[in-house]
Protein backbone atom coordinates (compact mmCIF):
# COMPACT_ATOMS: atom_id res chain seq x y z
CA UNK A 1 -105.55 117.70 148.90
CA UNK A 2 -103.23 120.17 150.72
CA UNK A 3 -103.74 123.73 151.90
CA UNK A 4 -100.88 126.55 151.10
CA UNK A 5 -100.36 129.91 151.97
CA UNK A 6 -99.30 131.69 148.96
CA UNK A 7 -97.12 134.79 149.44
CA UNK A 8 -98.47 136.94 147.06
CA UNK A 9 -101.24 137.38 148.83
CA UNK A 10 -100.76 135.89 151.82
CA UNK A 11 -104.33 133.90 151.13
CA UNK A 12 -104.77 130.21 151.90
CA UNK A 13 -105.64 128.24 148.71
CA UNK A 14 -106.91 124.69 148.29
CA UNK A 15 -104.83 122.81 145.94
CA UNK A 16 -105.37 119.07 144.45
CA UNK A 17 -102.69 117.09 143.64
CA UNK A 18 -103.08 114.09 141.71
CA UNK A 19 -100.52 110.89 141.64
CA UNK A 20 -100.07 108.28 139.54
CA UNK A 21 -99.43 105.38 141.24
CA UNK A 22 -96.74 102.76 139.48
CA UNK A 23 -98.05 100.12 138.63
CA UNK A 24 -95.70 98.16 136.26
CA UNK A 25 -92.98 95.55 137.76
CA UNK A 26 -89.14 95.99 136.50
CA UNK A 27 -88.11 93.57 134.30
CA UNK A 28 -84.45 92.26 132.98
CA UNK A 29 -83.12 94.19 129.74
CA UNK A 30 -79.88 92.51 129.66
CA UNK A 31 -77.31 89.83 130.53
CA UNK A 32 -73.87 90.61 129.85
CA UNK A 33 -71.46 88.25 130.34
CA UNK A 34 -68.57 89.96 131.20
CA UNK A 35 -65.61 87.06 132.08
CA UNK A 36 -66.22 83.20 132.83
CA UNK A 37 -67.37 84.17 136.18
CA UNK A 38 -68.87 87.84 135.96
CA UNK A 39 -72.43 88.40 135.03
CA UNK A 40 -74.30 91.78 134.72
CA UNK A 41 -77.38 91.86 134.94
CA UNK A 42 -79.54 95.48 133.82
CA UNK A 43 -82.66 95.83 134.39
CA UNK A 44 -85.54 98.57 132.89
CA UNK A 45 -85.71 100.40 135.76
CA UNK A 46 -84.43 101.39 139.45
CA UNK A 47 -84.92 98.14 141.75
CA UNK A 48 -84.92 97.40 145.50
CA UNK A 49 -81.00 97.50 145.73
CA UNK A 50 -80.52 95.42 149.09
CA UNK A 51 -80.47 92.04 150.78
CA UNK A 52 -84.16 92.17 151.69
CA UNK A 53 -86.28 89.23 150.45
CA UNK A 54 -87.30 91.40 147.44
CA UNK A 55 -84.09 93.34 146.81
CA UNK A 56 -81.60 92.83 143.68
CA UNK A 57 -78.64 92.00 146.52
CA UNK A 58 -80.27 89.20 147.49
CA UNK A 59 -78.31 85.94 145.97
CA UNK A 60 -81.81 83.82 146.48
CA UNK A 61 -83.73 85.55 143.56
CA UNK A 62 -81.06 84.19 140.86
CA UNK A 63 -80.91 80.90 139.83
CA UNK A 64 -78.42 79.80 137.23
CA UNK A 65 -78.13 76.23 135.69
CA UNK A 66 -74.90 73.77 135.92
CA UNK A 67 -74.59 73.97 139.49
CA UNK A 68 -72.63 77.41 138.68
CA UNK A 69 -72.83 79.02 142.47
CA UNK A 70 -73.79 82.74 142.59
CA UNK A 71 -70.74 84.22 145.19
CA UNK A 72 -71.60 87.95 145.66
CA UNK A 73 -73.58 90.42 144.07
CA UNK A 74 -72.42 94.17 143.26
CA UNK A 75 -74.74 97.43 143.08
CA UNK A 76 -74.09 99.85 140.72
CA UNK A 77 -75.69 103.53 140.27
CA UNK A 78 -78.61 104.47 139.45
CA UNK A 79 -79.65 101.55 140.95
CA UNK A 80 -80.72 99.50 137.85
CA UNK A 81 -77.98 97.20 137.68
CA UNK A 82 -76.26 94.31 139.23
CA UNK A 83 -72.62 92.26 138.83
CA UNK A 84 -72.89 89.11 139.79
CA UNK A 85 -69.79 87.07 140.76
CA UNK A 86 -69.93 83.41 140.39
CA UNK A 87 -67.86 80.35 140.21
CA UNK A 88 -66.68 79.22 137.14
CA UNK A 89 -68.37 78.88 134.05
CA UNK A 90 -67.63 76.01 131.17
CA UNK A 91 -66.71 77.93 127.93
CA UNK A 92 -69.08 76.46 125.20
CA UNK A 93 -71.65 75.14 127.08
CA UNK A 94 -75.38 76.51 127.43
CA UNK A 95 -76.64 78.17 130.80
CA UNK A 96 -79.94 79.43 131.58
CA UNK A 97 -80.27 82.30 134.67
CA UNK A 98 -83.73 82.79 135.86
CA UNK A 99 -84.46 86.07 138.22
CA UNK A 100 -87.44 86.45 140.54
CA UNK A 101 -88.55 88.16 143.20
CA UNK A 102 -87.30 91.73 142.93
CA UNK A 103 -89.43 94.71 143.38
CA UNK A 104 -89.17 98.36 141.72
CA UNK A 105 -87.55 101.12 143.57
CA UNK A 106 -90.58 103.04 144.24
CA UNK A 107 -93.34 103.03 147.59
CA UNK A 108 -95.61 100.14 145.65
CA UNK A 109 -92.33 97.82 145.71
CA UNK A 110 -94.05 95.92 142.46
CA UNK A 111 -92.58 92.89 141.70
CA UNK A 112 -91.10 91.15 138.77
CA UNK A 113 -92.43 87.60 136.96
CA UNK A 114 -89.60 85.14 136.57
CA UNK A 115 -87.30 85.65 133.85
CA UNK A 116 -85.03 83.31 131.95
CA UNK A 117 -82.27 84.00 130.25
CA UNK A 118 -79.84 81.82 127.77
CA UNK A 119 -76.27 82.77 127.75
CA UNK A 120 -72.90 80.74 126.91
CA UNK A 121 -69.34 81.89 127.44
CA UNK A 122 -67.31 80.99 123.97
CA UNK A 123 -63.54 80.32 123.50
CA UNK A 124 -61.25 83.08 122.53
CA UNK A 125 -59.43 82.11 119.78
CA UNK A 126 -56.06 83.43 118.63
CA UNK A 127 -54.18 83.44 115.07
CA UNK A 128 -50.93 84.09 114.71
CA UNK A 129 -48.74 85.64 111.60
CA UNK A 130 -45.16 85.26 112.22
CA UNK A 131 -42.39 84.15 109.78
CA UNK A 132 -42.00 80.73 109.95
CA UNK A 133 -45.32 79.33 111.51
CA UNK A 134 -47.95 77.73 109.61
CA UNK A 135 -45.63 78.67 106.19
CA UNK A 136 -46.07 82.08 106.63
CA UNK A 137 -43.46 84.16 105.24
CA UNK A 138 -45.32 87.75 104.95
CA UNK A 139 -43.24 89.95 108.07
CA UNK A 140 -41.24 92.34 106.62
CA UNK A 141 -39.17 95.27 109.45
CA UNK A 142 -35.83 96.88 110.00
CA UNK A 143 -34.91 100.11 111.31
CA UNK A 144 -33.76 103.62 110.81
CA UNK A 145 -31.35 105.80 112.16
CA UNK A 146 -30.54 109.50 111.66
CA UNK A 147 -27.26 108.99 112.95
CA UNK A 148 -26.69 106.91 110.04
CA UNK A 149 -28.90 108.55 107.18
CA UNK A 150 -28.13 106.49 104.51
CA UNK A 151 -27.49 103.09 105.86
CA UNK A 152 -29.81 100.60 105.58
CA UNK A 153 -30.45 97.71 108.47
CA UNK A 154 -33.12 95.53 106.67
CA UNK A 155 -30.85 92.02 106.55
CA UNK A 156 -30.20 92.56 110.42
CA UNK A 157 -31.58 89.90 113.03
CA UNK A 158 -32.34 92.91 115.32
CA UNK A 159 -33.86 96.27 114.74
CA UNK A 160 -34.20 99.17 117.04
CA UNK A 161 -35.79 101.99 118.37
CA UNK A 162 -35.04 105.12 120.51
CA UNK A 163 -31.92 107.54 120.49
CA UNK A 164 -28.81 105.49 121.53
CA UNK A 165 -27.75 109.15 123.21
CA UNK A 166 -30.65 110.17 124.92
CA UNK A 167 -29.86 113.59 124.95
CA UNK A 168 -28.44 113.48 121.45
CA UNK A 169 -31.14 114.97 119.59
CA UNK A 170 -29.71 113.85 115.75
CA UNK A 171 -29.46 109.88 117.40
CA UNK A 172 -32.73 109.44 117.04
CA UNK A 173 -34.10 105.56 115.71
CA UNK A 174 -37.40 104.12 114.47
CA UNK A 175 -38.85 100.32 113.47
CA UNK A 176 -40.39 99.59 110.93
CA UNK A 177 -42.20 96.68 110.56
CA UNK A 178 -45.39 95.41 108.48
CA UNK A 179 -47.34 92.37 107.89
CA UNK A 180 -48.74 90.88 104.73
CA UNK A 181 -52.72 90.88 104.91
CA UNK A 182 -53.68 89.90 101.79
CA UNK A 183 -54.07 86.03 101.90
CA UNK A 184 -55.49 86.52 105.69
CA UNK A 185 -59.52 86.67 106.45
CA UNK A 186 -60.17 89.06 108.89
CA UNK A 187 -63.44 88.73 110.58
CA UNK A 188 -64.10 91.76 111.44
CA UNK A 189 -67.60 90.85 113.53
CA UNK A 190 -65.45 88.69 115.76
CA UNK A 191 -62.13 90.52 116.18
CA UNK A 192 -61.33 91.40 119.84
CA UNK A 193 -58.30 92.62 119.46
CA UNK A 194 -55.04 92.62 117.09
CA UNK A 195 -51.33 93.04 118.42
CA UNK A 196 -48.00 93.47 117.32
CA UNK A 197 -46.11 91.92 119.33
CA UNK A 198 -42.07 91.70 119.69
CA UNK A 199 -39.73 90.64 121.88
CA UNK A 200 -36.70 92.61 123.41
CA UNK A 201 -33.34 91.58 122.72
CA UNK A 202 -31.37 93.86 124.85
CA UNK A 203 -30.65 97.57 125.68
CA UNK A 204 -28.21 99.32 124.33
CA UNK A 205 -26.02 102.03 126.20
CA UNK A 206 -28.53 102.23 129.05
CA UNK A 207 -31.35 100.68 130.48
CA UNK A 208 -33.45 103.91 130.87
CA UNK A 209 -37.62 103.19 130.41
CA UNK A 210 -38.64 104.48 127.03
CA UNK A 211 -41.96 104.98 125.47
CA UNK A 212 -42.90 103.68 122.37
CA UNK A 213 -45.65 104.75 119.98
CA UNK A 214 -47.28 102.57 117.00
CA UNK A 215 -48.08 104.80 114.33
CA UNK A 216 -49.44 104.13 110.96
CA UNK A 217 -46.32 104.73 108.01
CA UNK A 218 -48.64 106.67 104.98
CA UNK A 219 -45.61 105.19 102.14
CA UNK A 220 -44.68 102.10 101.21
CA UNK A 221 -41.03 101.27 101.51
CA UNK A 222 -38.80 98.49 100.98
CA UNK A 223 -37.12 96.46 103.85
CA UNK A 224 -33.35 95.64 102.55
CA UNK A 225 -30.50 93.86 102.71
CA UNK A 226 -28.22 95.68 105.10
CA UNK A 227 -26.77 93.10 107.85
CA UNK A 228 -24.72 95.72 110.68
CA UNK A 229 -26.64 96.81 113.23
CA UNK A 230 -24.96 100.53 112.26
CA UNK A 231 -26.78 99.38 108.93
CA UNK A 232 -24.33 99.26 105.30
CA UNK A 233 -24.54 101.82 102.59
CA UNK A 234 -27.79 101.40 100.92
CA UNK A 235 -28.57 100.03 97.80
CA UNK A 236 -31.25 101.65 95.21
CA UNK A 237 -34.62 101.41 96.66
CA UNK A 238 -33.49 100.64 100.69
CA UNK A 239 -35.16 101.68 102.85
CA UNK A 240 -33.45 104.78 104.76
CA UNK A 241 -33.67 107.59 107.33
CA UNK A 242 -33.67 110.08 104.55
CA UNK A 243 -35.72 107.68 101.62
CA UNK A 244 -38.95 105.03 101.60
CA UNK A 245 -36.53 104.23 98.20
CA UNK A 246 -33.32 105.40 98.53
CA UNK A 247 -32.07 107.11 95.15
CA UNK A 248 -35.85 107.01 94.09
CA UNK A 249 -38.29 108.42 96.31
CA UNK A 250 -37.73 110.12 99.72
CA UNK A 251 -39.88 110.62 102.39
CA UNK A 252 -41.42 114.19 103.11
CA UNK A 253 -39.75 114.41 106.49
CA UNK A 254 -36.11 112.82 107.05
CA UNK A 255 -37.28 109.78 109.43
CA UNK A 256 -41.08 108.66 107.83
CA UNK A 257 -44.11 109.59 106.58
CA UNK A 258 -46.66 108.56 109.44
CA UNK A 259 -49.71 109.65 110.53
CA UNK A 260 -49.81 112.27 113.51
CA UNK A 261 -51.53 109.90 116.17
CA UNK A 262 -50.68 106.60 117.88
CA UNK A 263 -52.37 103.83 117.37
CA UNK A 264 -50.45 102.92 121.19
CA UNK A 265 -48.33 103.87 123.19
CA UNK A 266 -46.11 101.23 125.20
CA UNK A 267 -43.62 101.67 127.90
CA UNK A 268 -40.11 99.34 127.51
CA UNK A 269 -38.07 98.52 129.90
CA UNK A 270 -34.49 96.84 129.69
CA UNK A 271 -35.26 92.89 130.36
CA UNK A 272 -33.89 90.93 127.81
CA UNK A 273 -36.72 88.21 126.73
CA UNK A 274 -39.74 90.31 127.75
CA UNK A 275 -42.72 90.96 125.19
CA UNK A 276 -44.36 94.05 124.26
CA UNK A 277 -47.60 93.92 122.65
CA UNK A 278 -49.06 97.32 121.08
CA UNK A 279 -52.78 97.36 119.98
CA UNK A 280 -53.14 97.58 116.63
CA UNK A 281 -56.65 96.45 116.34
CA UNK A 282 -58.03 100.21 114.58
CA UNK A 283 -55.11 100.34 112.09
CA UNK A 284 -56.49 96.49 111.21
CA UNK A 285 -59.65 97.49 110.56
CA UNK A 286 -58.72 100.56 108.25
CA UNK A 287 -56.30 98.58 106.27
CA UNK A 288 -59.09 95.81 105.78
CA UNK A 289 -60.97 98.26 104.22
CA UNK A 290 -57.90 100.06 102.42
CA UNK A 291 -55.91 97.44 101.30
CA UNK A 292 -53.21 99.46 99.33
CA UNK A 293 -52.96 101.81 102.33
CA UNK A 294 -51.22 98.99 104.39
CA UNK A 295 -47.68 100.53 104.89
CA UNK A 296 -47.15 98.60 108.13
CA UNK A 297 -46.24 100.38 111.14
CA UNK A 298 -43.73 102.45 112.95
CA UNK A 299 -42.34 102.14 116.22
CA UNK A 300 -40.99 105.45 117.44
CA UNK A 301 -40.78 108.14 120.58
CA UNK A 302 -43.67 110.53 121.15
CA UNK A 303 -41.20 112.25 122.76
CA UNK A 304 -37.69 111.60 122.74
CA UNK A 305 -36.09 110.79 126.57
CA UNK A 306 -32.84 112.37 127.09
CA UNK A 307 -31.84 108.97 129.24
CA UNK A 308 -29.73 106.65 127.60
CA UNK A 309 -30.89 103.88 126.30
CA UNK A 310 -32.03 102.19 122.67
CA UNK A 311 -34.38 99.14 122.92
CA UNK A 312 -33.32 96.62 120.05
CA UNK A 313 -35.84 93.58 119.35
CA UNK A 314 -35.54 90.26 117.77
CA UNK A 315 -36.03 90.69 113.87
CA UNK A 316 -37.88 88.41 111.40
CA UNK A 317 -34.08 86.81 110.52
CA UNK A 318 -33.77 85.71 113.56
CA UNK A 319 -33.11 81.77 113.63
CA UNK A 320 -35.64 81.17 116.35
CA UNK A 321 -39.04 81.33 115.14
CA UNK A 322 -40.54 82.51 118.62
CA UNK A 323 -39.01 85.18 119.01
CA UNK A 324 -39.82 86.43 115.42
CA UNK A 325 -41.86 89.92 115.57
CA UNK A 326 -46.15 88.69 114.86
CA UNK A 327 -49.40 89.93 114.81
CA UNK A 328 -52.12 88.35 116.59
CA UNK A 329 -55.45 88.52 116.04
CA UNK A 330 -58.03 87.40 119.25
CA UNK A 331 -61.13 86.28 118.15
CA UNK A 332 -64.57 85.28 119.91
CA UNK A 333 -67.43 83.76 118.92
CA UNK A 334 -70.85 86.18 119.26
CA UNK A 335 -71.66 86.12 123.10
CA UNK A 336 -75.65 85.38 123.41
CA UNK A 337 -77.85 87.01 125.86
CA UNK A 338 -81.72 86.43 124.58
CA UNK A 339 -84.56 85.24 126.49
CA UNK A 340 -85.14 81.33 127.21
CA UNK A 341 -88.19 80.26 124.78
CA UNK A 342 -89.74 77.01 126.07
CA UNK A 343 -90.21 74.03 123.83
CA UNK A 344 -88.76 76.43 120.43
CA UNK A 345 -87.25 73.84 118.87
CA UNK A 346 -90.39 73.65 116.60
CA UNK A 347 -90.90 77.31 115.81
CA UNK A 348 -89.96 79.23 112.81
CA UNK A 349 -86.23 81.01 114.49
CA UNK A 350 -86.34 84.68 114.01
CA UNK A 351 -83.25 85.22 113.38
CA UNK A 352 -80.61 82.51 111.78
CA UNK A 353 -78.16 80.69 114.28
CA UNK A 354 -75.22 78.91 114.19
CA UNK A 355 -74.64 76.08 116.21
CA UNK A 356 -71.24 74.61 117.21
CA UNK A 357 -70.29 71.74 114.95
CA UNK A 358 -70.51 68.16 116.94
CA UNK A 359 -68.13 66.18 117.82
CA UNK A 360 -65.79 69.11 118.54
CA UNK A 361 -62.56 67.81 117.87
CA UNK A 362 -63.58 65.46 115.30
CA UNK A 363 -61.76 62.99 113.16
CA UNK A 364 -62.70 63.27 109.60
CA UNK A 365 -66.63 64.01 109.85
CA UNK A 366 -68.64 66.48 112.00
CA UNK A 367 -72.18 68.12 111.96
CA UNK A 368 -72.22 71.69 111.51
CA UNK A 369 -76.16 72.69 112.37
CA UNK A 370 -77.59 76.33 111.46
CA UNK A 371 -81.07 77.93 111.15
CA UNK A 372 -82.54 80.39 108.58
CA UNK A 373 -85.73 82.46 109.72
CA UNK A 374 -87.30 82.12 105.55
CA UNK A 375 -86.25 80.66 102.93
CA UNK A 376 -83.00 82.32 101.43
CA UNK A 377 -79.37 81.65 99.73
CA UNK A 378 -76.82 80.03 101.75
CA UNK A 379 -72.94 79.28 101.86
CA UNK A 380 -71.24 77.62 104.36
CA UNK A 381 -67.52 78.19 103.68
CA UNK A 382 -64.47 76.55 105.60
CA UNK A 383 -61.16 78.57 106.54
CA UNK A 384 -57.88 77.77 107.80
CA UNK A 385 -55.94 79.76 110.94
CA UNK A 386 -54.31 81.74 107.48
CA UNK A 387 -57.64 82.66 106.57
CA UNK A 388 -57.66 80.69 103.50
CA UNK A 389 -60.70 79.31 101.93
CA UNK A 390 -60.20 75.10 101.75
CA UNK A 391 -63.47 74.33 101.34
CA UNK A 392 -67.18 75.06 100.62
CA UNK A 393 -69.83 72.21 101.69
CA UNK A 394 -72.97 73.89 101.02
CA UNK A 395 -74.20 77.03 98.67
CA UNK A 396 -77.82 76.89 98.18
CA UNK A 397 -81.44 77.72 99.00
CA UNK A 398 -82.81 76.53 101.71
CA UNK A 399 -86.14 76.94 103.14
CA UNK A 400 -86.93 78.71 106.49
CA UNK A 401 -85.82 76.13 109.93
CA UNK A 402 -83.52 74.12 110.97
CA UNK A 403 -80.96 72.39 108.85
CA UNK A 404 -77.42 70.58 109.35
CA UNK A 405 -74.24 69.84 106.78
CA UNK A 406 -71.99 66.79 107.50
CA UNK A 407 -68.43 67.77 106.38
CA UNK A 408 -66.15 66.14 106.11
CA UNK A 409 -62.79 67.12 106.20
CA UNK A 410 -60.18 63.76 105.66
CA UNK A 411 -58.63 65.70 102.80
CA UNK A 412 -57.54 68.25 105.02
CA UNK A 413 -54.45 68.52 107.76
CA UNK A 414 -54.87 68.16 111.52
CA UNK A 415 -55.54 71.83 113.34
CA UNK A 416 -58.23 74.77 113.85
CA UNK A 417 -60.50 75.75 111.40
CA UNK A 418 -62.94 78.12 111.42
CA UNK A 419 -66.73 77.45 109.37
CA UNK A 420 -68.53 80.94 108.24
CA UNK A 421 -72.43 81.16 107.59
CA UNK A 422 -73.22 83.51 104.78
CA UNK A 423 -76.92 84.75 104.24
CA UNK A 424 -78.25 87.62 103.10
CA UNK A 425 -79.16 88.71 106.37
CA UNK A 426 -75.29 89.00 107.12
CA UNK A 427 -72.41 86.05 108.51
CA UNK A 428 -72.03 84.21 111.65
CA UNK A 429 -68.56 82.35 112.17
CA UNK A 430 -67.62 79.73 114.71
CA UNK A 431 -64.57 77.17 115.05
CA UNK A 432 -63.61 73.87 114.63
CA UNK A 433 -60.84 71.17 116.15
CA UNK A 434 -60.29 68.61 113.33
CA UNK A 435 -57.51 66.14 114.77
CA UNK A 436 -56.20 63.19 112.58
């Protein structure tokens, strides 16, 4: 009860104030894996953010299995997140983090009960499309030059971008690159990044840094056979500055038909042998949904620079495979962050799960284990690194619970493979390594 004097009547009034005391302790919402030595813990409400016995910055309030050491803890506003910097985790190993004894930020300082989370850090996998690698031959590249508007340069072992003479407005050059994805399985749920990677051969007529944007092409084009760096007179159907297909179909505007916003912009310098990567993840996802729209990308200056320096990259025709253009897919298996359940082996899972095969790597035979929450149709499919289906060890209707499949791969060549579990509830994918 408090007494206040109000300005309107200058009388003293007695006011009863009722306060609902917070008696609910905090909980852990999520544990997110940021790297192999960094975890992010999010609490359900603001917590005591200090190093006191009940503080979220006290390392004694966290325990991680596998002898993982907590080196430091950083706070995040608004006081409901902390970042744990730890010793190095092993990949593909399950860890348990125990969090306890942390109080909320209320005057009551309610203390949370002990909570356990299971998580793992799974290895990122790279799949590379590059002419001459694993039988792939789906790259097409060329450049087009405003100064030679009817020449084709598709057969040269290098291609160019950026103005040759920086102050010459009629001397722009652009690179065209396309990767055939029709035989490549893109696992969208595990895709972290897709990048076009080029190796710089040289910088011609100056060494100024240049910005190059990767734009989605809107029309089909033909690479052609022009072998000179400045091109040869285009044959019918070859790409030029003026035409997507010479003497057949012109670009809507000279210099190419492309989306007006770049997927990525990269600054290219002048050191030969340096590699540069353009993030084209949104374009790959677009092409997956609309395969008939994959016309590749065009690399061009968003704003042509007046400084001299044409950037020359190695093309698919180059004799050294490693220097050829490549499209690199970076994948990861899902990172789990789920509450740990003691003795849950006999329980029906609440969602489908796919475990890492064992042994891995393996020779000839390995066991793939999974579980499903109810009776449903299940398909287990094996893919190679090019996304081609090579085996279907299981296609059946199974009851709820845990199952395992013994997969024999001795008819295949050594290498990296993906196994995908598909049910009406969705898809899960992991990778395995077969060594003969």
